[in-house]
C-alpha atoms as a PDB file:
ATOM      1  CA  MET A   1     -12.423 -77.514 -17.266  1.00  0.00           C
ATOM      2  CA  SER A   2      -8.433 -77.068 -16.415  1.00  0.00           C
ATOM      3  CA  ARG A   3      -6.523 -74.562 -18.325  1.00  0.00           C
ATOM      4  CA  TRP A   4      -3.718 -74.768 -16.570  1.00  0.00           C
ATOM      5  CA  THR A   5      -1.457 -76.984 -13.944  1.00  0.00           C
ATOM      6  CA  LEU A   6       0.812 -76.290 -11.146  1.00  0.00           C
ATOM      7  CA  ALA A   7       3.980 -76.730 -13.875  1.00  0.00           C
ATOM      8  CA  ASP A   8       2.991 -73.679 -15.378  1.00  0.00           C
ATOM      9  CA  ILE A   9       3.976 -71.709 -12.717  1.00  0.00           C
ATOM     10  CA  PRO A  10       7.501 -70.277 -12.824  1.00  0.00           C
ATOM     11  CA  TRP A  11       8.674 -71.549  -9.060  1.00  0.00           C
ATOM     12  CA  GLU A  12      11.993 -70.929  -9.843  1.00  0.00           C
ATOM     13  CA  ASP A  13      11.384 -67.200 -10.090  1.00  0.00           C
ATOM     14  CA  PHE A  14      10.245 -66.761  -6.193  1.00  0.00           C
ATOM     15  CA  ASP A  15      11.845 -63.627  -4.753  1.00  0.00           C
ATOM     16  CA  PRO A  16      11.795 -63.522  -0.880  1.00  0.00           C
ATOM     17  CA  SER A  17      12.847 -59.649  -0.774  1.00  0.00           C
ATOM     18  CA  LEU A  18       9.496 -58.564  -2.600  1.00  0.00           C
ATOM     19  CA  VAL A  19       7.177 -60.421  -0.278  1.00  0.00           C
ATOM     20  CA  ASP A  20       5.185 -58.353   2.458  1.00  0.00           C
ATOM     21  CA  ALA A  21       3.555 -59.922   5.511  1.00  0.00           C
ATOM     22  CA  ASP A  22       0.102 -58.724   4.972  1.00  0.00           C
ATOM     23  CA  THR A  23      -0.270 -60.196   1.851  1.00  0.00           C
ATOM     24  CA  VAL A  24       1.314 -63.537   3.305  1.00  0.00           C
ATOM     25  CA  LYS A  25      -1.485 -63.648   5.675  1.00  0.00           C
ATOM     26  CA  VAL A  26      -3.861 -63.169   2.897  1.00  0.00           C
ATOM     27  CA  VAL A  27      -2.461 -66.053   0.547  1.00  0.00           C
ATOM     28  CA  LYS A  28      -3.010 -68.192   3.729  1.00  0.00           C
ATOM     29  CA  ALA A  29      -6.305 -67.483   4.110  1.00  0.00           C
ATOM     30  CA  ALA A  30      -7.690 -67.316   0.360  1.00  0.00           C
ATOM     31  CA  SER A  31      -5.741 -70.790   0.165  1.00  0.00           C
ATOM     32  CA  MET A  32      -8.070 -72.464   2.666  1.00  0.00           C
ATOM     33  CA  VAL A  33     -10.990 -71.065   1.122  1.00  0.00           C
ATOM     34  CA  GLU A  34      -9.809 -72.614  -2.394  1.00  0.00           C
ATOM     35  CA  PHE A  35      -8.633 -75.444  -1.347  1.00  0.00           C
ATOM     36  CA  ASN A  36     -12.288 -76.336   0.378  1.00  0.00           C
ATOM     37  CA  GLY A  37     -13.829 -76.215  -3.365  1.00  0.00           C
ATOM     38  CA  GLY A  38     -14.109 -79.986  -3.611  1.00  0.00           C
ATOM     39  CA  ASP A  39     -16.532 -79.526  -0.486  1.00  0.00           C
ATOM     40  CA  TYR A  40     -18.642 -77.144  -2.488  1.00  0.00           C
ATOM     41  CA  ALA A  41     -18.491 -79.385  -5.594  1.00  0.00           C
ATOM     42  CA  THR A  42     -19.912 -82.143  -3.191  1.00  0.00           C
ATOM     43  CA  TYR A  43     -22.766 -79.520  -2.089  1.00  0.00           C
ATOM     44  CA  LEU A  44     -23.590 -78.798  -4.986  1.00  0.00           C
ATOM     45  CA  CYS A  45     -23.853 -82.151  -6.645  1.00  0.00           C
ATOM     46  CA  SER A  46     -26.043 -83.031  -3.628  1.00  0.00           C
ATOM     47  CA  VAL A  47     -28.158 -80.058  -4.429  1.00  0.00           C
ATOM     48  CA  PHE A  48     -28.358 -80.670  -8.390  1.00  0.00           C
ATOM     49  CA  ALA A  49     -28.713 -84.655  -7.409  1.00  0.00           C
ATOM     50  CA  ASP A  50     -31.011 -85.040 -10.805  1.00  0.00           C
ATOM     51  CA  ASP A  51     -28.891 -82.772 -13.119  1.00  0.00           C
ATOM     52  CA  PRO A  52     -26.126 -85.161 -14.137  1.00  0.00           C
ATOM     53  CA  ASP A  53     -24.628 -82.742 -16.978  1.00  0.00           C
ATOM     54  CA  PHE A  54     -24.155 -79.933 -14.433  1.00  0.00           C
ATOM     55  CA  GLN A  55     -22.592 -82.241 -11.709  1.00  0.00           C
ATOM     56  CA  ASP A  56     -20.139 -83.382 -14.243  1.00  0.00           C
ATOM     57  CA  LEU A  57     -19.126 -79.482 -14.588  1.00  0.00           C
ATOM     58  CA  ALA A  58     -19.146 -78.768 -10.971  1.00  0.00           C
ATOM     59  CA  LYS A  59     -16.855 -81.429 -10.046  1.00  0.00           C
ATOM     60  CA  ALA A  60     -14.779 -79.780 -12.842  1.00  0.00           C
ATOM     61  CA  TRP A  61     -14.956 -76.618 -11.254  1.00  0.00           C
ATOM     62  CA  GLY A  62     -14.324 -78.278  -7.710  1.00  0.00           C
ATOM     63  CA  GLN A  63     -11.103 -79.754  -9.153  1.00  0.00           C
ATOM     64  CA  GLU A  64     -10.039 -76.374 -10.409  1.00  0.00           C
ATOM     65  CA  GLU A  65     -10.470 -74.566  -7.005  1.00  0.00           C
ATOM     66  CA  VAL A  66      -8.714 -77.240  -5.154  1.00  0.00           C
ATOM     67  CA  GLN A  67      -5.749 -76.155  -7.710  1.00  0.00           C
ATOM     68  CA  HIS A  68      -5.717 -72.780  -6.851  1.00  0.00           C
ATOM     69  CA  GLY A  69      -5.653 -73.626  -3.352  1.00  0.00           C
ATOM     70  CA  LYS A  70      -2.654 -76.037  -3.859  1.00  0.00           C
ATOM     71  CA  ALA A  71      -0.760 -73.138  -5.776  1.00  0.00           C
ATOM     72  CA  LEU A  72      -1.835 -70.158  -3.484  1.00  0.00           C
ATOM     73  CA  ALA A  73      -0.605 -72.727  -0.591  1.00  0.00           C
ATOM     74  CA  ARG A  74       2.474 -73.508  -1.872  1.00  0.00           C
ATOM     75  CA  TRP A  75       3.722 -70.012  -2.511  1.00  0.00           C
ATOM     76  CA  ALA A  76       3.078 -69.354   1.234  1.00  0.00           C
ATOM     77  CA  GLU A  77       4.762 -72.049   2.125  1.00  0.00           C
ATOM     78  CA  MET A  78       7.786 -70.545   0.067  1.00  0.00           C
ATOM     79  CA  ALA A  79       7.302 -67.428   1.462  1.00  0.00           C
ATOM     80  CA  ASP A  80       7.005 -68.296   4.953  1.00  0.00           C
ATOM     81  CA  PRO A  81       8.885 -71.900   5.627  1.00  0.00           C
ATOM     82  CA  GLU A  82       7.236 -72.099   9.040  1.00  0.00           C
ATOM     83  CA  PHE A  83       3.650 -71.900   7.564  1.00  0.00           C
ATOM     84  CA  ASP A  84       1.816 -75.565   7.794  1.00  0.00           C
ATOM     85  CA  PHE A  85      -1.032 -75.549   5.026  1.00  0.00           C
ATOM     86  CA  GLU A  86      -2.088 -79.343   5.902  1.00  0.00           C
ATOM     87  CA  LYS A  87      -2.187 -78.397   9.731  1.00  0.00           C
ATOM     88  CA  ALA A  88      -3.986 -74.784   9.199  1.00  0.00           C
ATOM     89  CA  PHE A  89      -6.206 -76.304   6.582  1.00  0.00           C
ATOM     90  CA  ARG A  90      -7.288 -79.373   9.205  1.00  0.00           C
ATOM     91  CA  ARG A  91      -7.993 -76.538  11.754  1.00  0.00           C
ATOM     92  CA  PHE A  92     -10.224 -74.669   9.186  1.00  0.00           C
ATOM     93  CA  THR A  93     -12.308 -77.658   8.107  1.00  0.00           C
ATOM     94  CA  GLU A  94     -12.732 -78.774  11.876  1.00  0.00           C
ATOM     95  CA  GLY A  95     -14.094 -74.816  12.689  1.00  0.00           C
ATOM     96  CA  TYR A  96     -15.826 -74.515   8.992  1.00  0.00           C
ATOM     97  CA  ARG A  97     -18.227 -76.938   7.620  1.00  0.00           C
ATOM     98  CA  LEU A  98     -20.422 -76.491   4.743  1.00  0.00           C
ATOM     99  CA  PRO A  99     -23.962 -78.368   4.471  1.00  0.00           C
ATOM    100  CA  LEU A 100     -22.575 -81.674   2.773  1.00  0.00           C
ATOM    101  CA  ASP A 101     -26.113 -83.440   3.099  1.00  0.00           C
ATOM    102  CA  ALA A 102     -28.410 -80.793   1.861  1.00  0.00           C
ATOM    103  CA  THR A 103     -30.671 -81.856  -0.783  1.00  0.00           C
ATOM    104  CA  SER A 104     -31.820 -78.504  -1.546  1.00  0.00           C
ATOM    105  CA  SER A 105     -30.252 -74.916  -1.704  1.00  0.00           C
ATOM    106  CA  VAL A 106     -29.562 -73.124   0.910  1.00  0.00           C
ATOM    107  CA  ARG A 107     -30.683 -70.087  -1.056  1.00  0.00           C
ATOM    108  CA  GLY A 108     -34.574 -71.392  -1.257  1.00  0.00           C
ATOM    109  CA  SER A 109     -34.093 -72.109  -5.292  1.00  0.00           C
ATOM    110  CA  ARG A 110     -31.708 -73.220  -7.687  1.00  0.00           C
ATOM    111  CA  THR A 111     -31.658 -69.854  -9.565  1.00  0.00           C
ATOM    112  CA  GLY A 112     -30.834 -68.366  -6.192  1.00  0.00           C
ATOM    113  CA  GLU A 113     -27.794 -70.878  -5.588  1.00  0.00           C
ATOM    114  CA  PHE A 114     -26.121 -69.862  -8.983  1.00  0.00           C
ATOM    115  CA  VAL A 115     -27.010 -66.318  -8.438  1.00  0.00           C
ATOM    116  CA  ALA A 116     -24.733 -66.622  -4.829  1.00  0.00           C
ATOM    117  CA  ARG A 117     -22.386 -68.730  -6.690  1.00  0.00           C
ATOM    118  CA  CYS A 118     -22.294 -65.671  -9.334  1.00  0.00           C
ATOM    119  CA  ILE A 119     -21.254 -63.169  -6.301  1.00  0.00           C
ATOM    120  CA  VAL A 120     -18.388 -65.706  -5.055  1.00  0.00           C
ATOM    121  CA  GLU A 121     -16.808 -65.972  -8.214  1.00  0.00           C
ATOM    122  CA  ILE A 122     -17.225 -61.838  -8.490  1.00  0.00           C
ATOM    123  CA  GLY A 123     -15.354 -61.651  -5.261  1.00  0.00           C
ATOM    124  CA  THR A 124     -12.624 -64.001  -5.812  1.00  0.00           C
ATOM    125  CA  SER A 125     -12.011 -62.469  -9.613  1.00  0.00           C
ATOM    126  CA  SER A 126     -11.709 -59.234  -8.071  1.00  0.00           C
ATOM    127  CA  LEU A 127      -9.407 -60.118  -4.980  1.00  0.00           C
ATOM    128  CA  TYR A 128      -7.092 -61.960  -7.587  1.00  0.00           C
ATOM    129  CA  SER A 129      -6.750 -58.971  -9.888  1.00  0.00           C
ATOM    130  CA  ALA A 130      -6.228 -56.704  -6.790  1.00  0.00           C
ATOM    131  CA  LEU A 131      -3.404 -58.707  -5.389  1.00  0.00           C
ATOM    132  CA  ARG A 132      -1.815 -59.316  -8.923  1.00  0.00           C
ATOM    133  CA  ASP A 133      -1.823 -55.599  -8.839  1.00  0.00           C
ATOM    134  CA  SER A 134      -0.508 -55.122  -5.514  1.00  0.00           C
ATOM    135  CA  THR A 135       2.452 -57.297  -5.804  1.00  0.00           C
ATOM    136  CA  ASP A 136       5.773 -57.385  -7.303  1.00  0.00           C
ATOM    137  CA  GLU A 137       6.692 -60.940  -6.661  1.00  0.00           C
ATOM    138  CA  PRO A 138       6.479 -62.732  -9.837  1.00  0.00           C
ATOM    139  CA  VAL A 139       5.106 -66.326  -8.771  1.00  0.00           C
ATOM    140  CA  LEU A 140       2.714 -64.886  -6.702  1.00  0.00           C
ATOM    141  CA  LYS A 141       1.749 -62.542  -9.567  1.00  0.00           C
ATOM    142  CA  ALA A 142       1.249 -65.154 -12.138  1.00  0.00           C
ATOM    143  CA  ILE A 143      -0.716 -67.654  -9.553  1.00  0.00           C
ATOM    144  CA  CYS A 144      -3.038 -64.514  -9.124  1.00  0.00           C
ATOM    145  CA  ALA A 145      -3.362 -63.994 -12.915  1.00  0.00           C
ATOM    146  CA  LYS A 146      -4.200 -67.315 -13.391  1.00  0.00           C
ATOM    147  CA  THR A 147      -6.276 -67.593 -11.061  1.00  0.00           C
ATOM    148  CA  ALA A 148      -8.519 -64.344 -11.754  1.00  0.00           C
ATOM    149  CA  ALA A 149      -8.958 -65.377 -15.196  1.00  0.00           C
ATOM    150  CA  ASP A 150     -10.125 -68.935 -13.889  1.00  0.00           C
ATOM    151  CA  GLU A 151     -12.718 -67.131 -11.517  1.00  0.00           C
ATOM    152  CA  VAL A 152     -14.090 -65.155 -14.494  1.00  0.00           C
ATOM    153  CA  ARG A 153     -14.857 -68.084 -16.466  1.00  0.00           C
ATOM    154  CA  HIS A 154     -16.164 -69.795 -13.422  1.00  0.00           C
ATOM    155  CA  TYR A 155     -18.635 -66.643 -13.039  1.00  0.00           C
ATOM    156  CA  LYS A 156     -19.303 -66.954 -16.558  1.00  0.00           C
ATOM    157  CA  PHE A 157     -20.546 -70.531 -16.156  1.00  0.00           C
ATOM    158  CA  PHE A 158     -22.843 -70.006 -12.824  1.00  0.00           C
ATOM    159  CA  ARG A 159     -24.051 -67.342 -14.601  1.00  0.00           C
ATOM    160  CA  ALA A 160     -25.456 -69.311 -18.040  1.00  0.00           C
ATOM    161  CA  GLN A 161     -26.722 -72.220 -15.523  1.00  0.00           C
ATOM    162  CA  MET A 162     -28.476 -69.423 -13.774  1.00  0.00           C
ATOM    163  CA  ASP A 163     -30.116 -68.246 -16.901  1.00  0.00           C
ATOM    164  CA  ARG A 164     -30.961 -71.978 -17.612  1.00  0.00           C
ATOM    165  CA  TYR A 165     -32.540 -72.424 -14.411  1.00  0.00           C
ATOM    166  CA  LEU A 166     -34.424 -68.736 -14.334  1.00  0.00           C
ATOM    167  CA  ALA A 167     -36.498 -69.786 -17.545  1.00  0.00           C
ATOM    168  CA  SER A 168     -38.018 -72.452 -15.405  1.00  0.00           C
ATOM    169  CA  GLU A 169     -38.245 -70.872 -11.850  1.00  0.00           C
ATOM    170  CA  GLY A 170     -39.281 -67.334 -12.541  1.00  0.00           C
ATOM    171  CA  VAL A 171     -37.035 -65.934  -9.785  1.00  0.00           C
ATOM    172  CA  GLY A 172     -37.908 -62.112 -10.344  1.00  0.00           C
ATOM    173  CA  PHE A 173     -35.540 -59.124  -9.559  1.00  0.00           C
ATOM    174  CA  TRP A 174     -36.032 -58.230  -6.595  1.00  0.00           C
ATOM    175  CA  ARG A 175     -35.520 -61.656  -5.291  1.00  0.00           C
ATOM    176  CA  ARG A 176     -32.371 -62.137  -6.930  1.00  0.00           C
ATOM    177  CA  LEU A 177     -31.083 -58.712  -5.708  1.00  0.00           C
ATOM    178  CA  ARG A 178     -31.674 -59.510  -2.089  1.00  0.00           C
ATOM    179  CA  ILE A 179     -29.910 -63.180  -2.270  1.00  0.00           C
ATOM    180  CA  ALA A 180     -26.469 -61.219  -3.907  1.00  0.00           C
ATOM    181  CA  PHE A 181     -26.917 -58.449  -1.338  1.00  0.00           C
ATOM    182  CA  ASP A 182     -26.731 -61.408   1.358  1.00  0.00           C
ATOM    183  CA  ARG A 183     -24.298 -62.904  -0.404  1.00  0.00           C
ATOM    184  CA  LEU A 184     -22.030 -59.999  -0.236  1.00  0.00           C
ATOM    185  CA  LYS A 185     -22.945 -59.560   3.273  1.00  0.00           C
ATOM    186  CA  GLU A 186     -21.458 -62.567   3.899  1.00  0.00           C
ATOM    187  CA  ALA A 187     -18.008 -61.659   3.783  1.00  0.00           C
ATOM    188  CA  GLU A 188     -18.498 -60.763   7.561  1.00  0.00           C
ATOM    189  CA  ASP A 189     -19.242 -64.094   8.116  1.00  0.00           C
ATOM    190  CA  ASP A 190     -17.422 -67.361   9.509  1.00  0.00           C
ATOM    191  CA  GLU A 191     -16.248 -68.465   6.267  1.00  0.00           C
ATOM    192  CA  LEU A 192     -13.437 -66.013   5.376  1.00  0.00           C
ATOM    193  CA  ALA A 193     -13.010 -64.904   8.959  1.00  0.00           C
ATOM    194  CA  TYR A 194     -12.520 -68.647  10.143  1.00  0.00           C
ATOM    195  CA  SER A 195     -10.067 -68.989   7.317  1.00  0.00           C
ATOM    196  CA  TYR A 196      -8.031 -66.194   8.475  1.00  0.00           C
ATOM    197  CA  TYR A 197      -7.989 -67.442  11.950  1.00  0.00           C
ATOM    198  CA  ALA A 198      -7.010 -70.978  10.956  1.00  0.00           C
ATOM    199  CA  ALA A 199      -4.187 -69.937   8.793  1.00  0.00           C
ATOM    200  CA  ASN A 200      -2.725 -67.546  10.800  1.00  0.00           C
ATOM    201  CA  GLY A 201      -2.656 -68.161  14.463  1.00  0.00           C
ATOM    202  CA  GLY A 202      -5.591 -70.421  15.985  1.00  0.00           C
ATOM    203  CA  ASP A 203      -3.751 -70.537  19.302  1.00  0.00           C
ATOM    204  CA  GLU A 204      -6.362 -67.620  20.637  1.00  0.00           C
ATOM    205  CA  PRO A 205     -10.077 -68.028  21.038  1.00  0.00           C
ATOM    206  CA  TYR A 206     -12.179 -67.608  17.886  1.00  0.00           C
ATOM    207  CA  ASP A 207     -13.254 -64.136  17.572  1.00  0.00           C
ATOM    208  CA  ARG A 208     -15.255 -63.888  14.178  1.00  0.00           C
ATOM    209  CA  GLN A 209     -15.323 -59.992  13.797  1.00  0.00           C
ATOM    210  CA  HIS A 210     -11.580 -59.195  14.881  1.00  0.00           C
ATOM    211  CA  ASN A 211     -10.622 -61.917  12.719  1.00  0.00           C
ATOM    212  CA  ALA A 212     -12.648 -60.329   9.382  1.00  0.00           C
ATOM    213  CA  ASP A 213     -11.097 -57.404  10.578  1.00  0.00           C
ATOM    214  CA  GLN A 214      -7.947 -58.618  10.170  1.00  0.00           C
ATOM    215  CA  TYR A 215      -8.988 -59.581   6.706  1.00  0.00           C
ATOM    216  CA  LEU A 216     -10.750 -57.330   5.593  1.00  0.00           C
ATOM    217  CA  GLY A 217      -8.100 -54.664   6.235  1.00  0.00           C
ATOM    218  CA  ARG A 218      -5.500 -56.347   4.536  1.00  0.00           C
ATOM    219  CA  VAL A 219      -7.670 -56.739   1.393  1.00  0.00           C
ATOM    220  CA  PHE A 220     -10.161 -54.185   0.613  1.00  0.00           C
ATOM    221  CA  LEU A 221      -7.535 -51.332   0.456  1.00  0.00           C
ATOM    222  CA  ARG A 222      -5.801 -52.877  -2.523  1.00  0.00           C
ATOM    223  CA  TYR A 223      -8.898 -52.867  -4.615  1.00  0.00           C
ATOM    224  CA  ARG A 224      -8.741 -49.607  -7.386  1.00  0.00           C
ATOM    225  CA  LEU A 225     -11.933 -48.383  -9.545  1.00  0.00           C
ATOM    226  CA  ASP A 226     -10.880 -50.506 -12.290  1.00  0.00           C
ATOM    227  CA  HIS A 227     -11.321 -53.801  -9.778  1.00  0.00           C
ATOM    228  CA  VAL A 228     -14.694 -52.492  -8.776  1.00  0.00           C
ATOM    229  CA  GLU A 229     -15.681 -51.400 -11.750  1.00  0.00           C
ATOM    230  CA  ARG A 230     -15.393 -54.662 -13.670  1.00  0.00           C
ATOM    231  CA  GLY A 231     -16.752 -56.736 -10.790  1.00  0.00           C
ATOM    232  CA  MET A 232     -19.577 -54.247 -10.205  1.00  0.00           C
ATOM    233  CA  SER A 233     -20.259 -55.068 -14.213  1.00  0.00           C
ATOM    234  CA  MET A 234     -20.655 -58.933 -13.592  1.00  0.00           C
ATOM    235  CA  LEU A 235     -22.808 -58.049 -11.001  1.00  0.00           C
ATOM    236  CA  LEU A 236     -25.576 -55.991 -12.151  1.00  0.00           C
ATOM    237  CA  LYS A 237     -25.261 -58.184 -15.054  1.00  0.00           C
ATOM    238  CA  ALA A 238     -26.381 -61.212 -12.945  1.00  0.00           C
ATOM    239  CA  VAL A 239     -29.227 -59.439 -11.104  1.00  0.00           C
ATOM    240  CA  GLY A 240     -30.554 -57.861 -14.181  1.00  0.00           C
ATOM    241  CA  LEU A 241     -29.556 -54.732 -14.226  1.00  0.00           C
ATOM    242  CA  PRO A 242     -27.839 -52.108 -17.007  1.00  0.00           C
ATOM    243  CA  HIS A 243     -23.881 -53.042 -16.597  1.00  0.00           C
ATOM    244  CA  ARG A 244     -23.015 -50.147 -18.679  1.00  0.00           C
ATOM    245  CA  GLY A 245     -23.007 -46.166 -18.901  1.00  0.00           C
ATOM    246  CA  TRP A 246     -24.742 -43.992 -16.226  1.00  0.00           C
ATOM    247  CA  PHE A 247     -25.919 -46.459 -13.769  1.00  0.00           C
ATOM    248  CA  ALA A 248     -22.644 -48.500 -13.733  1.00  0.00           C
ATOM    249  CA  ARG A 249     -19.927 -45.909 -13.080  1.00  0.00           C
ATOM    250  CA  PRO A 250     -21.569 -44.112  -9.983  1.00  0.00           C
ATOM    251  CA  VAL A 251     -22.850 -47.299  -8.753  1.00  0.00           C
ATOM    252  CA  SER A 252     -18.838 -48.436  -8.994  1.00  0.00           C
ATOM    253  CA  ARG A 253     -17.866 -45.503  -7.148  1.00  0.00           C
ATOM    254  CA  LEU A 254     -19.753 -45.712  -4.565  1.00  0.00           C
ATOM    255  CA  ALA A 255     -19.163 -49.591  -3.612  1.00  0.00           C
ATOM    256  CA  LEU A 256     -15.041 -48.186  -3.773  1.00  0.00           C
ATOM    257  CA  TRP A 257     -15.812 -45.336  -1.112  1.00  0.00           C
ATOM    258  CA  PHE A 258     -17.308 -47.985   0.701  1.00  0.00           C
ATOM    259  CA  LEU A 259     -14.612 -50.603   0.253  1.00  0.00           C
ATOM    260  CA  ARG A 260     -12.204 -48.123   1.429  1.00  0.00           C
ATOM    261  CA  ARG A 261     -13.797 -46.872   4.520  1.00  0.00           C
ATOM    262  CA  ARG A 262     -14.311 -50.659   5.658  1.00  0.00           C
ATOM    263  CA  ALA A 263     -10.987 -51.421   5.349  1.00  0.00           C
ATOM    264  CA  LEU A 264     -10.001 -48.246   7.078  1.00  0.00           C
ATOM    265  CA  GLN A 265     -12.416 -48.818  10.093  1.00  0.00           C
ATOM    266  CA  ALA A 266     -11.243 -52.714  10.051  1.00  0.00           C
ATOM    267  CA  ARG A 267      -7.305 -51.361  10.452  1.00  0.00           C
ATOM    268  CA  VAL A 268      -8.455 -48.988  13.394  1.00  0.00           C
ATOM    269  CA  VAL A 269     -10.610 -51.668  15.137  1.00  0.00           C
ATOM    270  CA  ALA A 270      -7.850 -54.458  14.677  1.00  0.00           C
END
């Protein structure tokens, strides 16, 4: 499944004068989550133990996620030579663990699992598009461009799997919408908050809301309308709603307003 390697990144073009502290903190946190893709693949293979074809694809997907983590971690260590990715990642996995022994989806159905995976890929593709467009540092821009393209491809992969299981499970529109909404709300939960904590400190006691504010306040203000419109189009497709025209644009503007409001609120609180 892989389309690029670390050797394709122009590491020699790194320009420390174009690095800002907020971006470094976000990238450090993102590297934790991406590198943890191997565990996500293990979880998916456990849930889909009777689907060997999907298992092979899930393992390949997990390898790409790990590669994203390696690329982001390498950049973060270049931007901040005091950053020790291996130490931070150990801290992250000690405090945040996936249900690797699960034999059924935590979303209640296999279709629901894929709806949730689509939402994650929408979030990551939007994040890396926003990071790409908000930085002038050429190496990070290249990493984010390649990673964002991967995440869009991953979204299409999971949506195709969702459609396959939807035909047999018959999970209705309202249930899919609820799963999507619940997964969106999890941006405030432990995974992103703890990744930020593990990557950018970890000595003080963990405070989920404080670390979520620290992360979201540094991310959401980077989003432009075009980032949100692409993400919203993908989301609407995943739940079965019209993704273009009169409905999509006002929903996208409302989503952008919410993201900016949440970012400003987070910065005030933090």
